[in-house]
Amino acid sequence: MSRVRLAFPEDAILHRHSLSVRITDMNYGRHLGHDALVSLLHEARTQMLLSRGLREWDLGGYPSVVADLAIQYQGEAAWPDMLVVETAIPPVEGKSLCVYHRVLREHDQRPVATARLNLVLIDATVGKSVAVPESVQAALSSASSYHPESGA
């Protein structure tokens, strides 16, 4: 069986977001379920964009949609674990934003999962993808990267 292997781009980290595993996030195996993990990633991504003055429904005038998602599971999390989701976005290539998330258990920094997704911006008037606007690229550039010492 071929497994997904994702390399998290350490040099492109823009944000860290803490959140907890809720009791409703548990699956029948008594750990964080796949559907709940996807929702937690969405929350972390939304918080990262907000920290950059962006909204996923208005990225330079265009809404974004998730075009694809890959998740590499690396460990388990369970209620009431605290998690830290690190979000990284390498420089834009092509028409999509490649977003990486790394989920760590806060108390021991063990990885729970690494995810990669592509956000595509859509011109709703014609229903087609558009290039990522310069204003969005600038807000997500490495020049304005996350600085752990400042907490921003």
N, C-alpha and C. Protein backbone atom coordinates (compact mmCIF):
# COMPACT_ATOMS: atom_id res chain seq x y z
N MET A 1 0.84 -1.18 0.00
CA MET A 1 0.00 0.00 0.00
C MET A 1 0.89 1.24 0.00
N SER A 2 0.60 2.14 -0.92
CA SER A 2 1.32 3.40 -1.01
C SER A 2 0.70 4.41 -0.04
N ARG A 3 1.54 5.03 0.78
CA ARG A 3 1.06 6.00 1.76
C ARG A 3 1.43 7.42 1.35
N VAL A 4 0.59 8.35 1.73
CA VAL A 4 0.86 9.76 1.50
C VAL A 4 1.99 10.19 2.43
N ARG A 5 2.98 10.87 1.89
CA ARG A 5 4.09 11.42 2.67
C ARG A 5 4.18 12.90 2.34
N LEU A 6 4.02 13.74 3.35
CA LEU A 6 4.04 15.18 3.14
C LEU A 6 5.22 15.79 3.89
N ALA A 7 5.93 16.68 3.21
CA ALA A 7 7.04 17.41 3.83
C ALA A 7 6.53 18.79 4.20
N PHE A 8 6.46 19.07 5.49
CA PHE A 8 5.96 20.36 5.97
C PHE A 8 7.04 21.42 5.76
N PRO A 9 6.71 22.54 5.09
CA PRO A 9 7.71 23.59 4.83
C PRO A 9 7.94 24.50 6.03
N GLU A 10 8.88 24.12 6.86
CA GLU A 10 9.20 24.86 8.11
C GLU A 10 9.44 26.35 7.87
N ASP A 11 10.07 26.68 6.76
CA ASP A 11 10.44 28.07 6.49
C ASP A 11 9.28 28.93 6.02
N ALA A 12 8.09 28.33 5.86
CA ALA A 12 6.94 29.08 5.37
C ALA A 12 5.82 29.19 6.41
N ILE A 13 6.13 28.93 7.70
CA ILE A 13 5.11 28.99 8.74
C ILE A 13 4.64 30.44 8.90
N LEU A 14 3.33 30.61 8.87
CA LEU A 14 2.72 31.93 9.02
C LEU A 14 1.96 32.09 10.33
N HIS A 15 1.54 30.97 10.94
CA HIS A 15 0.64 31.09 12.08
C HIS A 15 0.63 29.80 12.89
N ARG A 16 0.39 29.96 14.19
CA ARG A 16 0.15 28.82 15.09
C ARG A 16 -1.17 29.08 15.80
N HIS A 17 -2.01 28.06 15.85
CA HIS A 17 -3.33 28.21 16.46
C HIS A 17 -3.56 27.05 17.43
N SER A 18 -3.89 27.38 18.67
CA SER A 18 -4.19 26.36 19.67
C SER A 18 -5.68 26.11 19.71
N LEU A 19 -6.04 24.85 19.87
CA LEU A 19 -7.43 24.47 20.04
C LEU A 19 -7.48 23.13 20.74
N SER A 20 -8.66 22.77 21.24
CA SER A 20 -8.78 21.53 21.98
C SER A 20 -9.63 20.53 21.22
N VAL A 21 -9.37 19.27 21.48
CA VAL A 21 -10.21 18.20 20.94
C VAL A 21 -11.47 18.20 21.80
N ARG A 22 -12.60 18.37 21.15
CA ARG A 22 -13.88 18.38 21.86
C ARG A 22 -14.42 16.95 21.96
N ILE A 23 -15.28 16.70 22.90
CA ILE A 23 -15.85 15.37 23.05
C ILE A 23 -16.60 14.97 21.77
N THR A 24 -17.17 15.93 21.08
CA THR A 24 -17.89 15.64 19.84
C THR A 24 -16.96 15.33 18.67
N ASP A 25 -15.66 15.53 18.85
CA ASP A 25 -14.67 15.23 17.80
C ASP A 25 -14.23 13.77 17.82
N MET A 26 -14.68 13.03 18.82
CA MET A 26 -14.23 11.64 19.00
C MET A 26 -14.99 10.70 18.06
N ASN A 27 -14.30 9.67 17.57
CA ASN A 27 -14.96 8.66 16.75
C ASN A 27 -15.14 7.39 17.57
N TYR A 28 -15.64 6.33 16.93
CA TYR A 28 -15.90 5.08 17.66
C TYR A 28 -14.62 4.43 18.17
N GLY A 29 -13.47 4.81 17.64
CA GLY A 29 -12.19 4.30 18.15
C GLY A 29 -11.68 5.10 19.34
N ARG A 30 -12.46 6.06 19.81
CA ARG A 30 -12.15 6.92 20.94
C ARG A 30 -10.95 7.83 20.71
N HIS A 31 -10.80 8.27 19.47
CA HIS A 31 -9.80 9.28 19.17
C HIS A 31 -10.36 10.25 18.14
N LEU A 32 -9.61 11.30 17.86
CA LEU A 32 -10.02 12.35 16.93
C LEU A 32 -10.39 11.75 15.58
N GLY A 33 -11.61 11.99 15.15
CA GLY A 33 -12.09 11.46 13.88
C GLY A 33 -11.62 12.29 12.69
N HIS A 34 -11.63 11.65 11.51
CA HIS A 34 -11.19 12.30 10.29
C HIS A 34 -12.01 13.56 10.00
N ASP A 35 -13.32 13.45 10.07
CA ASP A 35 -14.18 14.59 9.76
C ASP A 35 -13.92 15.76 10.72
N ALA A 36 -13.70 15.43 11.98
CA ALA A 36 -13.42 16.47 12.97
C ALA A 36 -12.06 17.13 12.70
N LEU A 37 -11.07 16.33 12.31
CA LEU A 37 -9.76 16.89 11.99
C LEU A 37 -9.87 17.89 10.85
N VAL A 38 -10.61 17.54 9.81
CA VAL A 38 -10.79 18.46 8.68
C VAL A 38 -11.43 19.76 9.15
N SER A 39 -12.39 19.69 10.06
CA SER A 39 -13.01 20.90 10.61
C SER A 39 -12.03 21.72 11.44
N LEU A 40 -11.18 21.06 12.21
CA LEU A 40 -10.17 21.78 13.00
C LEU A 40 -9.15 22.46 12.09
N LEU A 41 -8.78 21.81 11.00
CA LEU A 41 -7.87 22.43 10.03
C LEU A 41 -8.51 23.67 9.42
N HIS A 42 -9.80 23.57 9.12
CA HIS A 42 -10.52 24.71 8.55
C HIS A 42 -10.50 25.89 9.53
N GLU A 43 -10.76 25.62 10.80
CA GLU A 43 -10.73 26.68 11.82
C GLU A 43 -9.35 27.33 11.89
N ALA A 44 -8.30 26.52 11.91
CA ALA A 44 -6.93 27.05 11.98
C ALA A 44 -6.60 27.88 10.74
N ARG A 45 -7.02 27.42 9.58
CA ARG A 45 -6.76 28.15 8.33
C ARG A 45 -7.50 29.50 8.35
N THR A 46 -8.73 29.50 8.80
CA THR A 46 -9.52 30.72 8.88
C THR A 46 -8.88 31.72 9.84
N GLN A 47 -8.37 31.22 10.97
CA GLN A 47 -7.70 32.09 11.94
C GLN A 47 -6.40 32.66 11.37
N MET A 48 -5.65 31.85 10.61
CA MET A 48 -4.43 32.34 9.97
C MET A 48 -4.76 33.46 9.00
N LEU A 49 -5.78 33.24 8.15
CA LEU A 49 -6.16 34.28 7.19
C LEU A 49 -6.60 35.55 7.90
N LEU A 50 -7.39 35.40 8.95
CA LEU A 50 -7.85 36.55 9.72
C LEU A 50 -6.66 37.34 10.28
N SER A 51 -5.62 36.62 10.75
CA SER A 51 -4.44 37.29 11.29
C SER A 51 -3.70 38.09 10.22
N ARG A 52 -3.98 37.80 8.96
CA ARG A 52 -3.36 38.51 7.83
C ARG A 52 -4.31 39.51 7.19
N GLY A 53 -5.47 39.73 7.84
CA GLY A 53 -6.44 40.68 7.30
C GLY A 53 -7.22 40.13 6.13
N LEU A 54 -7.30 38.82 6.01
CA LEU A 54 -7.98 38.17 4.89
C LEU A 54 -9.16 37.34 5.37
N ARG A 55 -10.09 37.09 4.48
CA ARG A 55 -11.22 36.20 4.72
C ARG A 55 -11.27 35.20 3.56
N GLU A 56 -11.54 33.93 3.86
CA GLU A 56 -11.51 32.94 2.78
C GLU A 56 -12.60 33.16 1.75
N TRP A 57 -13.66 33.89 2.10
CA TRP A 57 -14.72 34.18 1.14
C TRP A 57 -14.46 35.46 0.36
N ASP A 58 -13.33 36.13 0.68
CA ASP A 58 -12.97 37.36 -0.01
C ASP A 58 -11.45 37.52 -0.03
N LEU A 59 -10.81 36.76 -0.89
CA LEU A 59 -9.35 36.85 -1.05
C LEU A 59 -9.07 37.71 -2.27
N GLY A 60 -8.88 38.99 -2.03
CA GLY A 60 -8.66 39.91 -3.14
C GLY A 60 -9.89 40.06 -4.01
N GLY A 61 -11.07 39.88 -3.43
CA GLY A 61 -12.31 40.02 -4.18
C GLY A 61 -12.90 38.71 -4.68
N TYR A 62 -12.25 37.59 -4.36
CA TYR A 62 -12.71 36.29 -4.84
C TYR A 62 -12.87 35.30 -3.69
N PRO A 63 -13.92 34.48 -3.73
CA PRO A 63 -14.04 33.41 -2.73
C PRO A 63 -13.07 32.28 -3.07
N SER A 64 -12.68 31.53 -2.03
CA SER A 64 -11.79 30.38 -2.26
C SER A 64 -12.56 29.09 -2.06
N VAL A 65 -12.12 28.07 -2.76
CA VAL A 65 -12.66 26.72 -2.59
C VAL A 65 -11.48 25.76 -2.45
N VAL A 66 -11.68 24.70 -1.68
CA VAL A 66 -10.64 23.68 -1.53
C VAL A 66 -10.71 22.77 -2.76
N ALA A 67 -9.62 22.71 -3.52
CA ALA A 67 -9.58 21.90 -4.72
C ALA A 67 -9.16 20.46 -4.42
N ASP A 68 -8.30 20.28 -3.42
CA ASP A 68 -7.88 18.94 -3.03
C ASP A 68 -7.32 18.99 -1.62
N LEU A 69 -7.26 17.82 -1.00
CA LEU A 69 -6.79 17.70 0.38
C LEU A 69 -6.11 16.36 0.55
N ALA A 70 -4.92 16.38 1.13
CA ALA A 70 -4.20 15.15 1.48
C ALA A 70 -3.81 15.24 2.95
N ILE A 71 -4.01 14.14 3.67
CA ILE A 71 -3.67 14.11 5.09
C ILE A 71 -2.80 12.90 5.37
N GLN A 72 -1.69 13.13 6.05
CA GLN A 72 -0.83 12.05 6.53
C GLN A 72 -1.02 11.96 8.04
N TYR A 73 -1.63 10.87 8.48
CA TYR A 73 -1.85 10.67 9.92
C TYR A 73 -0.56 10.14 10.54
N GLN A 74 -0.19 10.72 11.70
CA GLN A 74 1.07 10.37 12.34
C GLN A 74 0.92 9.97 13.80
N GLY A 75 -0.23 10.21 14.37
CA GLY A 75 -0.45 9.89 15.77
C GLY A 75 -1.90 10.12 16.13
N GLU A 76 -2.24 9.85 17.36
CA GLU A 76 -3.61 10.01 17.81
C GLU A 76 -3.74 11.19 18.76
N ALA A 77 -4.93 11.75 18.76
CA ALA A 77 -5.31 12.76 19.74
C ALA A 77 -6.68 12.35 20.27
N ALA A 78 -6.93 12.69 21.51
CA ALA A 78 -8.19 12.32 22.13
C ALA A 78 -8.66 13.46 23.04
N TRP A 79 -9.94 13.44 23.37
CA TRP A 79 -10.48 14.42 24.30
C TRP A 79 -9.83 14.22 25.65
N PRO A 80 -9.37 15.25 26.33
CA PRO A 80 -9.43 16.69 26.07
C PRO A 80 -8.09 17.27 25.63
N ASP A 81 -7.33 16.56 24.79
CA ASP A 81 -6.02 17.04 24.35
C ASP A 81 -6.08 18.46 23.79
N MET A 82 -5.07 19.24 24.10
CA MET A 82 -4.86 20.53 23.45
C MET A 82 -3.95 20.29 22.26
N LEU A 83 -4.29 20.92 21.15
CA LEU A 83 -3.53 20.78 19.92
C LEU A 83 -3.00 22.14 19.49
N VAL A 84 -1.92 22.11 18.73
CA VAL A 84 -1.40 23.31 18.08
C VAL A 84 -1.37 22.99 16.59
N VAL A 85 -1.99 23.87 15.81
CA VAL A 85 -1.98 23.71 14.36
C VAL A 85 -1.09 24.80 13.79
N GLU A 86 0.00 24.38 13.15
CA GLU A 86 0.89 25.32 12.46
C GLU A 86 0.45 25.37 11.00
N THR A 87 0.36 26.58 10.46
CA THR A 87 -0.05 26.76 9.08
C THR A 87 1.10 27.40 8.31
N ALA A 88 1.41 26.81 7.16
CA ALA A 88 2.48 27.33 6.30
C ALA A 88 1.96 27.45 4.87
N ILE A 89 2.39 28.50 4.21
CA ILE A 89 2.04 28.69 2.80
C ILE A 89 3.31 29.09 2.05
N PRO A 90 3.83 28.19 1.21
CA PRO A 90 4.99 28.54 0.39
C PRO A 90 4.61 29.61 -0.64
N PRO A 91 5.59 30.23 -1.30
CA PRO A 91 5.27 31.21 -2.34
C PRO A 91 4.32 30.62 -3.40
N VAL A 92 3.43 31.46 -3.87
CA VAL A 92 2.41 31.03 -4.83
C VAL A 92 3.05 30.63 -6.16
N GLU A 93 2.61 29.48 -6.65
CA GLU A 93 3.00 29.02 -7.99
C GLU A 93 1.71 28.66 -8.71
N GLY A 94 1.47 29.26 -9.84
CA GLY A 94 0.24 28.96 -10.57
C GLY A 94 -0.95 29.71 -10.00
N LYS A 95 -2.13 29.08 -10.14
CA LYS A 95 -3.38 29.74 -9.77
C LYS A 95 -3.92 29.35 -8.40
N SER A 96 -3.17 28.61 -7.61
CA SER A 96 -3.72 28.19 -6.32
C SER A 96 -2.78 28.52 -5.17
N LEU A 97 -3.37 28.56 -3.98
CA LEU A 97 -2.59 28.69 -2.75
C LEU A 97 -2.40 27.28 -2.20
N CYS A 98 -1.17 26.88 -2.01
CA CYS A 98 -0.87 25.58 -1.41
C CYS A 98 -0.71 25.82 0.09
N VAL A 99 -1.60 25.24 0.87
CA VAL A 99 -1.63 25.45 2.32
C VAL A 99 -1.25 24.16 3.02
N TYR A 100 -0.30 24.25 3.93
CA TYR A 100 0.10 23.10 4.76
C TYR A 100 -0.33 23.35 6.19
N HIS A 101 -0.76 22.29 6.84
CA HIS A 101 -1.06 22.33 8.27
C HIS A 101 -0.29 21.19 8.94
N ARG A 102 0.30 21.49 10.09
CA ARG A 102 0.91 20.45 10.92
C ARG A 102 0.21 20.52 12.27
N VAL A 103 -0.36 19.39 12.70
CA VAL A 103 -1.09 19.31 13.95
C VAL A 103 -0.22 18.59 14.97
N LEU A 104 0.02 19.25 16.10
CA LEU A 104 0.85 18.69 17.18
C LEU A 104 0.03 18.62 18.46
N ARG A 105 0.27 17.59 19.26
CA ARG A 105 -0.28 17.59 20.62
C ARG A 105 0.55 18.58 21.42
N GLU A 106 -0.12 19.47 22.09
CA GLU A 106 0.59 20.55 22.78
C GLU A 106 1.51 20.04 23.89
N HIS A 107 1.07 19.09 24.69
CA HIS A 107 1.84 18.70 25.88
C HIS A 107 3.15 17.97 25.56
N ASP A 108 3.24 17.29 24.43
CA ASP A 108 4.49 16.59 24.12
C ASP A 108 5.03 16.89 22.72
N GLN A 109 4.35 17.78 21.99
CA GLN A 109 4.77 18.19 20.64
C GLN A 109 4.83 17.02 19.64
N ARG A 110 4.16 15.92 19.95
CA ARG A 110 4.12 14.79 19.02
C ARG A 110 3.18 15.11 17.87
N PRO A 111 3.58 14.78 16.65
CA PRO A 111 2.71 15.06 15.50
C PRO A 111 1.48 14.15 15.48
N VAL A 112 0.35 14.76 15.18
CA VAL A 112 -0.91 14.04 15.00
C VAL A 112 -1.16 13.85 13.51
N ALA A 113 -0.94 14.91 12.72
CA ALA A 113 -1.17 14.82 11.28
C ALA A 113 -0.48 15.98 10.58
N THR A 114 -0.18 15.76 9.31
CA THR A 114 0.26 16.82 8.42
C THR A 114 -0.70 16.81 7.24
N ALA A 115 -1.13 17.98 6.82
CA ALA A 115 -2.09 18.08 5.72
C ALA A 115 -1.61 19.09 4.70
N ARG A 116 -2.01 18.86 3.46
CA ARG A 116 -1.74 19.81 2.38
C ARG A 116 -3.03 19.97 1.59
N LEU A 117 -3.38 21.21 1.30
CA LEU A 117 -4.55 21.44 0.46
C LEU A 117 -4.25 22.58 -0.49
N ASN A 118 -5.02 22.63 -1.54
CA ASN A 118 -4.90 23.71 -2.51
C ASN A 118 -6.19 24.50 -2.50
N LEU A 119 -6.07 25.82 -2.32
CA LEU A 119 -7.19 26.73 -2.40
C LEU A 119 -7.17 27.39 -3.77
N VAL A 120 -8.29 27.34 -4.44
CA VAL A 120 -8.45 27.98 -5.74
C VAL A 120 -9.42 29.13 -5.57
N LEU A 121 -9.09 30.26 -6.17
CA LEU A 121 -9.96 31.43 -6.12
C LEU A 121 -10.84 31.43 -7.36
N ILE A 122 -12.13 31.72 -7.15
CA ILE A 122 -13.11 31.61 -8.22
C ILE A 122 -13.75 32.97 -8.51
N ASP A 123 -13.82 33.31 -9.79
CA ASP A 123 -14.61 34.46 -10.22
C ASP A 123 -16.03 33.95 -10.38
N ALA A 124 -16.89 34.27 -9.43
CA ALA A 124 -18.25 33.72 -9.40
C ALA A 124 -19.10 34.17 -10.59
N THR A 125 -18.74 35.29 -11.20
CA THR A 125 -19.54 35.78 -12.33
C THR A 125 -19.37 34.90 -13.56
N VAL A 126 -18.22 34.26 -13.70
CA VAL A 126 -17.99 33.38 -14.86
C VAL A 126 -17.74 31.93 -14.45
N GLY A 127 -17.60 31.69 -13.14
CA GLY A 127 -17.42 30.33 -12.66
C GLY A 127 -16.07 29.72 -13.00
N LYS A 128 -15.04 30.56 -13.10
CA LYS A 128 -13.70 30.07 -13.45
C LYS A 128 -12.68 30.52 -12.43
N SER A 129 -11.59 29.77 -12.36
CA SER A 129 -10.52 30.13 -11.44
C SER A 129 -9.75 31.33 -11.96
N VAL A 130 -9.18 32.07 -11.01
CA VAL A 130 -8.40 33.26 -11.34
C VAL A 130 -7.04 33.18 -10.66
N ALA A 131 -6.11 33.96 -11.15
CA ALA A 131 -4.80 34.05 -10.52
C ALA A 131 -4.94 34.65 -9.13
N VAL A 132 -4.06 34.24 -8.22
CA VAL A 132 -4.06 34.78 -6.87
C VAL A 132 -3.61 36.24 -6.95
N PRO A 133 -4.47 37.18 -6.49
CA PRO A 133 -4.13 38.61 -6.58
C PRO A 133 -2.85 38.93 -5.82
N GLU A 134 -2.14 39.93 -6.33
CA GLU A 134 -0.89 40.39 -5.70
C GLU A 134 -1.12 40.79 -4.24
N SER A 135 -2.27 41.40 -3.95
CA SER A 135 -2.55 41.84 -2.58
C SER A 135 -2.60 40.64 -1.63
N VAL A 136 -3.14 39.51 -2.08
CA VAL A 136 -3.20 38.30 -1.27
C VAL A 136 -1.80 37.72 -1.12
N GLN A 137 -1.06 37.67 -2.22
CA GLN A 137 0.31 37.16 -2.17
C GLN A 137 1.15 37.98 -1.20
N ALA A 138 0.99 39.30 -1.23
CA ALA A 138 1.75 40.17 -0.34
C ALA A 138 1.40 39.91 1.12
N ALA A 139 0.10 39.72 1.42
CA ALA A 139 -0.32 39.47 2.80
C ALA A 139 0.22 38.14 3.32
N LEU A 140 0.48 37.21 2.41
CA LEU A 140 0.97 35.89 2.80
C LEU A 140 2.46 35.69 2.54
N SER A 141 3.16 36.76 2.19
CA SER A 141 4.57 36.64 1.82
C SER A 141 5.45 36.33 3.03
N SER A 142 6.62 35.81 2.74
CA SER A 142 7.57 35.48 3.81
C SER A 142 8.06 36.73 4.52
N ALA A 143 7.97 37.89 3.87
CA ALA A 143 8.38 39.14 4.51
C ALA A 143 7.51 39.45 5.72
N SER A 144 6.29 38.88 5.72
CA SER A 144 5.39 39.10 6.85
C SER A 144 5.17 37.80 7.60
N SER A 145 6.17 36.93 7.60
CA SER A 145 6.05 35.60 8.20
C SER A 145 5.85 35.63 9.70
N TYR A 146 5.43 34.49 10.20
CA TYR A 146 5.22 34.27 11.62
C TYR A 146 6.54 34.39 12.36
N HIS A 147 6.53 35.09 13.47
CA HIS A 147 7.72 35.22 14.31
C HIS A 147 7.38 34.70 15.70
N PRO A 148 7.83 33.47 16.02
CA PRO A 148 7.43 32.85 17.29
C PRO A 148 7.78 33.68 18.52
N GLU A 149 8.84 34.44 18.46
CA GLU A 149 9.24 35.23 19.63
C GLU A 149 8.24 36.35 19.91
N SER A 150 7.54 36.82 18.86
CA SER A 150 6.58 37.90 19.06
C SER A 150 5.17 37.40 19.22
N GLY A 151 4.93 36.11 18.86
CA GLY A 151 3.59 35.54 18.98
C GLY A 151 2.67 35.96 17.85
N ALA A 152 3.19 36.67 16.83
CA ALA A 152 2.34 37.12 15.71
C ALA A 152 2.56 36.30 14.47
